[in-house]
């Protein structure tokens, strides 16, 4: 074939390994990904790719694995500015005596803008190409995500008490709907309703959310069954467990992203499975706050889609999805006393395609397949810490770390090149963070 008969495309990436997470191939060796107009148009052996395509940009990753961009399915991005503020505390003490007072004192638009940018910088550097957020000023979160070129599902927060964002449920919902309207149809930014938790949102606002979610086809992102005390207090106060109450209100459905879920009975697992709800597992945050263990292995066996999230940097202290994958795998094994629980391939699915499924974007991202957006991460295995490589999938979960991420593409655009952020000024960001945090104690 002469060079004149080659197809001209935007980008061609050659790799030692490609891990597509496509249910067909565990991994491919010496293959290439062809990208044109932001999407993957071909995955084929490198020898064929070089004959078939002429690319504007061609890069070789001779010792790397190319993987789908990681999806952090539960974050409070702006809380990166509270990293390490209150550690070694159980959830209620942490929230009521430290985090909520700090938020009341310090949260404003500038805080959310800088905190979100800091979180996005950390996430892109660590191979995360999409995050599912829940915080005040979702309009600011969405704008920063758009400006930096990361994919996001932005939560339209709802809580019973007044905050800096809104005074009552009506205002929370109205302001949230304005954000929804602004980003409707956006390529990278989606929105979801984000009622904080069953114990902070009463029935009437939840009913309204349910009606609107059905009408607008939006997901509902919510903390549920996070701790034993949350469940026991609900039973004491209302006579039923939180999930049962949400089910009575019609919220347990395919649109529900139930976060944490450390306290689950067998009948509740059956309910989630029959309703097609999604569970977001946050192992490190739950361990740090001693909240409990989500039975991820049992949920997956029941056919429930389980995704992975970090929670915030104030309850986890990082947004490291590689660390989260390893923690999820190890926690499943020790909590079930079964070394075969949550194998590497399943955990990688939780951090990629399962996250996309929970967010309702699995048709466009979450795996490396023709027709999907090029959300791709290059992971360097040519380091002292990562040689030899017998199985790149195992390596991604049990051996490599976010420090081995070198390059990141989101919707075909390179956002990290040789470990340097392309859409964020790191030095200015550091200065902005120091300026805001000097008054936080």
Protein backbone atom coordinates (compact mmCIF):
# COMPACT_ATOMS: atom_id res chain seq x y z
CA UNK A 1 0.00 0.00 0.00
CA UNK A 2 1.45 3.34 -0.98
CA UNK A 3 1.50 6.28 1.41
CA UNK A 4 -1.00 8.03 -0.89
CA UNK A 5 -3.67 5.44 -0.06
CA UNK A 6 -3.32 5.90 3.68
CA UNK A 7 -6.19 7.49 5.59
CA UNK A 8 -5.34 10.82 7.21
CA UNK A 9 -6.36 11.05 10.86
CA UNK A 10 -5.71 13.27 13.88
CA UNK A 11 -3.82 10.98 16.26
CA UNK A 12 -2.23 7.55 16.32
CA UNK A 13 -1.06 5.99 19.60
CA UNK A 14 1.16 2.90 19.51
CA UNK A 15 1.48 0.89 22.73
CA UNK A 16 3.13 -2.18 24.21
CA UNK A 17 -0.22 -3.05 25.80
CA UNK A 18 -3.80 -1.85 25.36
CA UNK A 19 -6.30 -2.77 28.08
CA UNK A 20 -9.66 -2.01 26.44
CA UNK A 21 -12.07 -3.19 29.24
CA UNK A 22 -14.42 -4.28 26.46
CA UNK A 23 -15.43 -7.76 27.74
CA UNK A 24 -13.61 -9.31 24.77
CA UNK A 25 -9.90 -8.83 25.42
CA UNK A 26 -8.06 -8.91 28.73
CA UNK A 27 -5.33 -6.98 26.95
CA UNK A 28 -3.79 -6.54 23.51
CA UNK A 29 -0.05 -6.47 22.82
CA UNK A 30 1.68 -4.23 20.25
CA UNK A 31 -1.55 -2.58 19.16
CA UNK A 32 -2.44 1.00 18.24
CA UNK A 33 -5.39 3.33 18.74
CA UNK A 34 -6.48 5.54 15.86
CA UNK A 35 -8.27 8.76 16.89
CA UNK A 36 -10.11 11.18 14.63
CA UNK A 37 -12.44 14.04 15.53
CA UNK A 38 -12.17 13.19 19.24
CA UNK A 39 -13.25 9.58 18.88
CA UNK A 40 -11.63 6.16 18.56
CA UNK A 41 -12.01 5.00 14.97
CA UNK A 42 -9.80 1.89 15.07
CA UNK A 43 -7.82 -0.43 17.37
CA UNK A 44 -5.48 -2.68 15.45
CA UNK A 45 -2.00 -4.26 15.46
CA UNK A 46 0.70 -1.58 15.27
CA UNK A 47 2.24 -3.12 12.14
CA UNK A 48 -1.10 -2.66 10.34
CA UNK A 49 -1.77 0.79 11.83
CA UNK A 50 1.47 2.18 10.38
CA UNK A 51 0.45 1.00 6.92
CA UNK A 52 -3.16 2.13 7.16
CA UNK A 53 -2.96 5.63 8.68
CA UNK A 54 -1.13 8.94 8.38
CA UNK A 55 -1.63 10.89 11.60
CA UNK A 56 -1.12 14.53 12.46
CA UNK A 57 0.22 13.35 15.83
CA UNK A 58 1.85 9.95 16.24
CA UNK A 59 3.24 8.77 19.57
CA UNK A 60 4.84 5.52 20.66
CA UNK A 61 4.43 4.08 24.15
CA UNK A 62 6.80 1.15 23.94
CA UNK A 63 6.71 0.34 27.66
CA UNK A 64 3.24 1.64 28.52
CA UNK A 65 -0.26 0.30 28.91
CA UNK A 66 -3.05 2.41 27.41
CA UNK A 67 -6.22 2.12 29.46
CA UNK A 68 -9.64 3.81 29.52
CA UNK A 69 -9.72 7.03 31.53
CA UNK A 70 -10.59 6.31 35.15
CA UNK A 71 -13.98 7.50 36.39
CA UNK A 72 -14.17 8.81 39.95
CA UNK A 73 -17.83 8.15 40.66
CA UNK A 74 -18.11 10.10 43.92
CA UNK A 75 -16.31 13.33 44.79
CA UNK A 76 -16.72 16.63 46.58
CA UNK A 77 -14.01 18.29 44.49
CA UNK A 78 -13.75 21.70 46.16
CA UNK A 79 -13.07 20.00 49.51
CA UNK A 80 -9.49 19.45 48.32
CA UNK A 81 -8.84 22.73 50.18
CA UNK A 82 -9.84 20.96 53.43
CA UNK A 83 -7.34 18.13 52.89
CA UNK A 84 -6.05 17.01 56.31
CA UNK A 85 -8.15 19.56 58.20
CA UNK A 86 -9.80 17.02 60.53
CA UNK A 87 -8.40 13.48 60.67
CA UNK A 88 -8.84 10.39 62.86
CA UNK A 89 -12.50 11.10 63.63
CA UNK A 90 -15.73 9.17 63.10
CA UNK A 91 -18.19 10.53 60.54
CA UNK A 92 -20.63 12.43 62.75
CA UNK A 93 -17.93 14.13 64.82
CA UNK A 94 -15.97 14.91 61.64
CA UNK A 95 -19.01 16.41 59.90
CA UNK A 96 -20.83 18.24 62.69
CA UNK A 97 -17.88 19.57 64.71
CA UNK A 98 -15.30 20.21 62.00
CA UNK A 99 -16.41 20.12 58.35
CA UNK A 100 -19.80 21.83 58.52
CA UNK A 101 -18.45 24.69 60.69
CA UNK A 102 -15.48 25.12 58.31
CA UNK A 103 -17.83 25.20 55.34
CA UNK A 104 -20.10 27.77 57.02
CA UNK A 105 -17.07 29.99 57.63
CA UNK A 106 -15.04 29.61 54.45
CA UNK A 107 -17.12 28.44 51.47
CA UNK A 108 -17.70 30.97 48.70
CA UNK A 109 -17.38 31.04 44.92
CA UNK A 110 -13.62 31.64 44.97
CA UNK A 111 -13.11 28.70 47.37
CA UNK A 112 -15.11 26.36 45.13
CA UNK A 113 -13.35 27.55 41.98
CA UNK A 114 -9.83 27.06 43.36
CA UNK A 115 -10.67 23.87 45.24
CA UNK A 116 -12.27 22.32 42.17
CA UNK A 117 -9.33 23.29 39.97
CA UNK A 118 -6.95 21.73 42.51
CA UNK A 119 -9.01 18.53 42.51
CA UNK A 120 -9.14 18.40 38.72
CA UNK A 121 -5.37 18.92 38.48
CA UNK A 122 -4.84 16.05 40.92
CA UNK A 123 -7.31 13.82 39.10
CA UNK A 124 -5.92 14.38 35.59
CA UNK A 125 -2.37 13.81 36.85
CA UNK A 126 -3.61 10.53 38.34
CA UNK A 127 -5.39 9.25 35.22
CA UNK A 128 -8.96 10.29 36.07
CA UNK A 129 -10.81 11.66 33.05
CA UNK A 130 -14.31 11.97 34.54
CA UNK A 131 -15.70 12.73 38.02
CA UNK A 132 -19.14 12.67 39.63
CA UNK A 133 -19.41 15.61 42.01
CA UNK A 134 -21.65 16.77 44.84
CA UNK A 135 -21.04 20.20 46.36
CA UNK A 136 -22.15 23.79 46.75
CA UNK A 137 -21.93 26.18 43.77
CA UNK A 138 -22.34 23.44 41.14
CA UNK A 139 -22.36 26.21 38.53
CA UNK A 140 -18.73 27.00 39.45
CA UNK A 141 -17.75 23.30 39.48
CA UNK A 142 -19.24 22.85 36.00
CA UNK A 143 -17.50 25.97 34.67
CA UNK A 144 -14.08 24.89 35.97
CA UNK A 145 -14.56 21.39 34.57
CA UNK A 146 -15.49 22.88 31.21
CA UNK A 147 -12.52 25.29 31.25
CA UNK A 148 -10.02 22.53 32.08
CA UNK A 149 -11.48 20.02 29.62
CA UNK A 150 -12.39 17.20 31.99
CA UNK A 151 -15.57 15.16 31.77
CA UNK A 152 -17.91 15.63 34.74
CA UNK A 153 -21.32 14.82 36.16
CA UNK A 154 -22.12 17.81 38.37
CA UNK A 155 -24.46 17.25 41.31
CA UNK A 156 -27.32 19.69 41.88
CA UNK A 157 -27.05 19.74 45.67
CA UNK A 158 -30.11 19.60 47.91
CA UNK A 159 -30.14 19.71 51.71
CA UNK A 160 -32.82 20.74 54.23
CA UNK A 161 -30.89 23.50 55.97
CA UNK A 162 -29.68 26.87 54.65
CA UNK A 163 -26.13 27.13 53.30
CA UNK A 164 -24.11 29.66 51.36
CA UNK A 165 -25.61 28.19 48.14
CA UNK A 166 -29.34 28.29 49.01
CA UNK A 167 -31.80 28.93 51.84
CA UNK A 168 -34.48 26.28 51.32
CA UNK A 169 -35.38 23.32 49.15
CA UNK A 170 -37.21 25.48 46.61
CA UNK A 171 -34.12 27.64 46.08
CA UNK A 172 -31.77 24.61 45.90
CA UNK A 173 -33.97 23.06 43.22
CA UNK A 174 -34.46 26.30 41.24
CA UNK A 175 -30.75 27.06 41.21
CA UNK A 176 -29.97 23.46 40.30
CA UNK A 177 -32.39 23.55 37.38
CA UNK A 178 -30.67 26.70 36.08
CA UNK A 179 -27.35 24.79 36.03
CA UNK A 180 -29.07 21.88 34.27
CA UNK A 181 -30.49 24.23 31.63
CA UNK A 182 -27.12 25.89 31.03
CA UNK A 183 -25.25 22.61 30.39
CA UNK A 184 -28.00 20.66 28.64
CA UNK A 185 -26.47 18.91 25.63
CA UNK A 186 -22.87 19.77 26.59
CA UNK A 187 -20.32 17.25 25.31
CA UNK A 188 -18.37 16.93 28.58
CA UNK A 189 -20.67 18.20 31.35
CA UNK A 190 -23.73 16.34 32.61
CA UNK A 191 -25.84 17.15 35.66
CA UNK A 192 -27.57 14.97 38.26
CA UNK A 193 -29.74 15.70 41.26
CA UNK A 194 -27.67 15.36 44.45
CA UNK A 195 -29.79 15.23 47.61
CA UNK A 196 -27.16 14.93 50.34
CA UNK A 197 -28.49 11.97 52.36
CA UNK A 198 -31.75 10.54 53.76
CA UNK A 199 -31.02 12.11 57.17
CA UNK A 200 -30.54 15.63 55.74
CA UNK A 201 -33.34 15.75 53.15
CA UNK A 202 -37.03 15.39 54.06
CA UNK A 203 -39.80 13.64 52.11
CA UNK A 204 -41.37 16.54 50.21
CA UNK A 205 -38.14 17.73 48.49
CA UNK A 206 -37.29 14.10 47.68
CA UNK A 207 -40.70 13.62 46.04
CA UNK A 208 -40.11 16.74 43.98
CA UNK A 209 -36.66 15.49 42.97
CA UNK A 210 -38.14 12.15 41.93
CA UNK A 211 -40.72 13.87 39.69
CA UNK A 212 -38.12 16.15 38.11
CA UNK A 213 -35.56 13.36 37.65
CA UNK A 214 -38.13 11.30 35.74
CA UNK A 215 -39.21 14.27 33.65
CA UNK A 216 -35.67 15.45 32.80
CA UNK A 217 -34.06 11.98 32.70
CA UNK A 218 -31.50 12.89 35.36
CA UNK A 219 -29.72 10.59 37.79
CA UNK A 220 -29.98 10.91 41.57
CA UNK A 221 -26.62 10.89 43.38
CA UNK A 222 -26.97 10.38 47.16
CA UNK A 223 -25.15 9.16 50.28
CA UNK A 224 -27.13 6.14 51.55
CA UNK A 225 -26.53 3.71 54.44
CA UNK A 226 -23.09 5.17 55.11
CA UNK A 227 -22.90 4.18 58.79
CA UNK A 228 -24.63 1.88 61.23
CA UNK A 229 -25.71 4.86 63.38
CA UNK A 230 -27.40 6.48 60.35
CA UNK A 231 -29.50 3.35 59.82
CA UNK A 232 -30.30 2.71 63.50
CA UNK A 233 -31.33 6.34 64.07
CA UNK A 234 -33.60 6.24 61.03
CA UNK A 235 -35.29 3.13 62.39
CA UNK A 236 -35.66 4.78 65.80
CA UNK A 237 -37.04 8.04 64.37
CA UNK A 238 -39.08 6.85 61.38
CA UNK A 239 -39.62 3.15 62.01
CA UNK A 240 -37.85 2.11 58.81
CA UNK A 241 -34.40 1.83 57.31
CA UNK A 242 -33.34 4.66 54.94
CA UNK A 243 -33.37 2.50 51.79
CA UNK A 244 -36.92 1.35 52.53
CA UNK A 245 -38.00 4.98 52.90
CA UNK A 246 -36.33 5.93 49.61
CA UNK A 247 -38.07 2.98 47.97
CA UNK A 248 -41.45 4.12 49.29
CA UNK A 249 -40.71 7.52 47.73
CA UNK A 250 -39.89 5.89 44.38
CA UNK A 251 -36.20 6.79 44.42
CA UNK A 252 -34.80 3.24 44.27
CA UNK A 253 -34.62 2.92 40.49
CA UNK A 254 -32.08 2.71 37.63
CA UNK A 255 -31.40 6.43 38.09
CA UNK A 256 -30.16 6.03 41.71
CA UNK A 257 -26.43 6.23 42.45
CA UNK A 258 -26.33 5.08 46.08
CA UNK A 259 -22.99 6.06 47.62
CA UNK A 260 -21.24 4.11 50.43
CA UNK A 261 -23.85 1.42 51.24
CA UNK A 262 -21.82 -0.13 54.05
CA UNK A 263 -24.92 -1.39 55.92
CA UNK A 264 -26.91 -3.77 53.74
CA UNK A 265 -29.18 -6.71 54.44
CA UNK A 266 -29.86 -9.49 51.93
CA UNK A 267 -33.37 -8.21 51.16
CA UNK A 268 -31.93 -4.76 50.43
CA UNK A 269 -29.41 -6.25 48.02
CA UNK A 270 -32.31 -8.03 46.29
CA UNK A 271 -34.21 -4.73 46.12
CA UNK A 272 -31.26 -2.89 44.53
CA UNK A 273 -30.78 -5.70 42.01
CA UNK A 274 -34.46 -5.85 41.04
CA UNK A 275 -34.65 -2.04 40.67
CA UNK A 276 -31.41 -1.72 38.66
CA UNK A 277 -29.86 0.83 41.03
CA UNK A 278 -26.12 1.58 41.08
CA UNK A 279 -23.81 1.47 44.10
CA UNK A 280 -20.74 3.68 44.45
CA UNK A 281 -18.08 2.05 46.64
CA UNK A 282 -15.66 4.41 48.47
CA UNK A 283 -13.39 1.97 50.33
CA UNK A 284 -10.69 4.31 51.63
CA UNK A 285 -13.02 7.01 52.96
CA UNK A 286 -15.17 4.35 54.63
CA UNK A 287 -12.10 2.78 56.23
CA UNK A 288 -10.69 6.12 57.39
CA UNK A 289 -13.97 7.20 59.03
CA UNK A 290 -14.59 3.64 60.32
CA UNK A 291 -17.99 3.77 58.62
CA UNK A 292 -18.05 0.13 57.53
CA UNK A 293 -17.43 -2.01 54.47
CA UNK A 294 -19.57 -2.00 51.35
CA UNK A 295 -20.13 -5.68 50.34
CA UNK A 296 -19.01 -4.94 46.77
CA UNK A 297 -18.28 -8.59 45.92
CA UNK A 298 -21.75 -9.68 47.06
CA UNK A 299 -23.41 -6.81 45.17
CA UNK A 300 -21.60 -7.66 41.94
CA UNK A 301 -22.53 -11.33 42.34
CA UNK A 302 -26.17 -10.21 42.65
CA UNK A 303 -25.89 -8.43 39.29
CA UNK A 304 -25.74 -4.89 40.71
CA UNK A 305 -23.51 -2.37 38.96
CA UNK A 306 -20.82 -1.23 41.42
CA UNK A 307 -18.59 1.73 40.60
CA UNK A 308 -15.67 3.22 42.51
CA UNK A 309 -15.16 6.65 44.05
CA UNK A 310 -12.66 8.36 46.32
CA UNK A 311 -15.06 10.64 48.23
CA UNK A 312 -13.44 13.96 49.15
CA UNK A 313 -9.82 14.77 49.94
CA UNK A 314 -10.94 15.73 53.43
CA UNK A 315 -12.16 12.20 54.25
CA UNK A 316 -9.68 10.29 52.10
CA UNK A 317 -6.85 12.83 51.74
CA UNK A 318 -6.35 12.07 48.06
CA UNK A 319 -8.26 11.50 44.81
CA UNK A 320 -6.11 8.54 43.78
CA UNK A 321 -8.16 6.01 41.82
CA UNK A 322 -5.20 3.62 41.53
CA UNK A 323 -5.01 3.51 45.32
CA UNK A 324 -8.79 3.08 45.47
CA UNK A 325 -8.65 0.09 43.11
CA UNK A 326 -6.03 -1.63 45.23
CA UNK A 327 -7.90 -0.85 48.46
CA UNK A 328 -11.17 -2.17 47.01
CA UNK A 329 -9.52 -5.42 45.95
CA UNK A 330 -7.69 -6.01 49.23
CA UNK A 331 -10.65 -5.00 51.39
CA UNK A 332 -12.93 -7.43 49.55
CA UNK A 333 -10.48 -10.28 50.05
CA UNK A 334 -9.93 -9.77 53.80
CA UNK A 335 -13.57 -8.95 54.61
CA UNK A 336 -14.83 -12.12 52.87
CA UNK A 337 -11.74 -14.22 53.73
CA UNK A 338 -11.75 -15.15 50.04
CA UNK A 339 -8.58 -14.42 48.06
CA UNK A 340 -10.51 -14.75 44.79
CA UNK A 341 -12.94 -11.91 45.65
CA UNK A 342 -12.74 -8.82 43.41
CA UNK A 343 -9.96 -9.88 41.03
CA UNK A 344 -7.98 -7.18 39.24
CA UNK A 345 -10.06 -7.25 36.05
CA UNK A 346 -13.30 -6.72 37.99
CA UNK A 347 -11.84 -3.84 40.00
CA UNK A 348 -10.60 -2.15 36.82
CA UNK A 349 -14.14 -2.42 35.44
CA UNK A 350 -15.46 -0.74 38.61
CA UNK A 351 -13.06 2.18 38.00
CA UNK A 352 -13.96 2.53 34.29
CA UNK A 353 -16.96 1.03 32.49
CA UNK A 354 -19.03 0.50 35.68
CA UNK A 355 -18.55 4.17 36.55
CA UNK A 356 -19.65 5.15 33.06
CA UNK A 357 -22.70 2.91 33.43
CA UNK A 358 -23.62 4.48 36.78
CA UNK A 359 -23.34 7.97 35.26
CA UNK A 360 -25.32 6.97 32.17
CA UNK A 361 -22.44 7.62 29.76
CA UNK A 362 -21.29 4.06 28.96
CA UNK A 363 -22.32 4.54 25.31
CA UNK A 364 -19.62 7.19 24.89
CA UNK A 365 -16.82 6.37 27.37
CA UNK A 366 -15.60 3.90 30.01
CA UNK A 367 -13.82 1.52 27.63
CA UNK A 368 -11.54 1.70 24.62
CA UNK A 369 -13.84 0.80 21.75
CA UNK A 370 -14.47 2.08 18.24
CA UNK A 371 -17.05 4.86 18.27
CA UNK A 372 -16.38 5.98 21.84
CA UNK A 373 -14.65 9.20 22.82
CA UNK A 374 -10.88 8.93 23.19
CA UNK A 375 -10.65 9.12 26.99
CA UNK A 376 -7.28 7.41 27.37
CA UNK A 377 -4.54 7.12 29.98
CA UNK A 378 -0.93 6.00 29.39
CA UNK A 379 0.65 4.14 32.32
CA UNK A 380 4.42 3.61 32.29
CA UNK A 381 5.48 0.09 33.31
CA UNK A 382 9.17 0.69 32.60
CA UNK A 383 10.12 1.58 36.17
CA UNK A 384 11.94 -0.13 39.02
CA UNK A 385 8.60 -0.48 40.83
CA UNK A 386 6.79 -2.11 37.90
CA UNK A 387 9.16 -4.62 36.31
CA UNK A 388 8.79 -7.40 35.31
CA UNK A 389 5.31 -7.37 33.74
CA UNK A 390 3.57 -10.74 33.42
CA UNK A 391 0.02 -9.40 33.37
CA UNK A 392 -0.66 -5.68 32.76
CA UNK A 393 -4.21 -5.90 34.19
CA UNK A 394 -2.93 -7.27 37.49
CA UNK A 395 -0.19 -4.63 37.44
CA UNK A 396 -2.68 -1.77 37.12
CA UNK A 397 -4.43 -2.78 40.37
CA UNK A 398 -1.74 -4.37 42.53
CA UNK A 399 1.52 -2.77 41.45
CA UNK A 400 1.36 0.51 39.58
CA UNK A 401 0.32 3.85 41.04
CA UNK A 402 -0.90 7.22 39.82
CA UNK A 403 2.77 8.29 39.75
CA UNK A 404 3.19 6.03 36.71
CA UNK A 405 0.62 7.98 34.66
CA UNK A 406 2.43 9.98 31.98
CA UNK A 407 -0.20 11.09 29.46
CA UNK A 408 -3.97 11.65 29.46
CA UNK A 409 -6.46 12.36 26.67
CA UNK A 410 -10.05 13.46 27.25
CA UNK A 411 -12.37 13.45 24.23
CA UNK A 412 -9.32 13.15 22.00
CA UNK A 413 -7.53 16.18 23.42
CA UNK A 414 -4.29 15.68 25.32
CA UNK A 415 -4.66 17.13 28.82
CA UNK A 416 -1.45 15.68 30.33
CA UNK A 417 1.76 15.35 28.30
CA UNK A 418 4.79 13.68 29.85
CA UNK A 419 3.32 14.45 33.31
CA UNK A 420 2.73 18.14 32.53
CA UNK A 421 -0.81 19.55 32.68
CA UNK A 422 -1.83 21.29 29.46
CA UNK A 423 -4.93 23.21 30.60
CA UNK A 424 -3.95 24.25 34.14
CA UNK A 425 -1.21 26.61 35.31
CA UNK A 426 0.22 24.63 38.23
CA UNK A 427 2.22 27.49 39.75
CA UNK A 428 -0.70 29.92 39.73
CA UNK A 429 -2.95 27.20 41.17
CA UNK A 430 -0.53 26.62 44.06
CA UNK A 431 -0.43 30.34 44.79
CA UNK A 432 -4.25 30.58 44.75
CA UNK A 433 -4.54 27.63 47.14
CA UNK A 434 -2.04 29.09 49.62
CA UNK A 435 -3.84 32.44 49.53
CA UNK A 436 -7.23 30.90 50.36
CA UNK A 437 -6.02 28.38 52.93
CA UNK A 438 -3.87 30.69 55.07
CA UNK A 439 -6.96 31.60 57.11
CA UNK A 440 -8.26 28.05 57.53
CA UNK A 441 -7.26 26.27 60.73
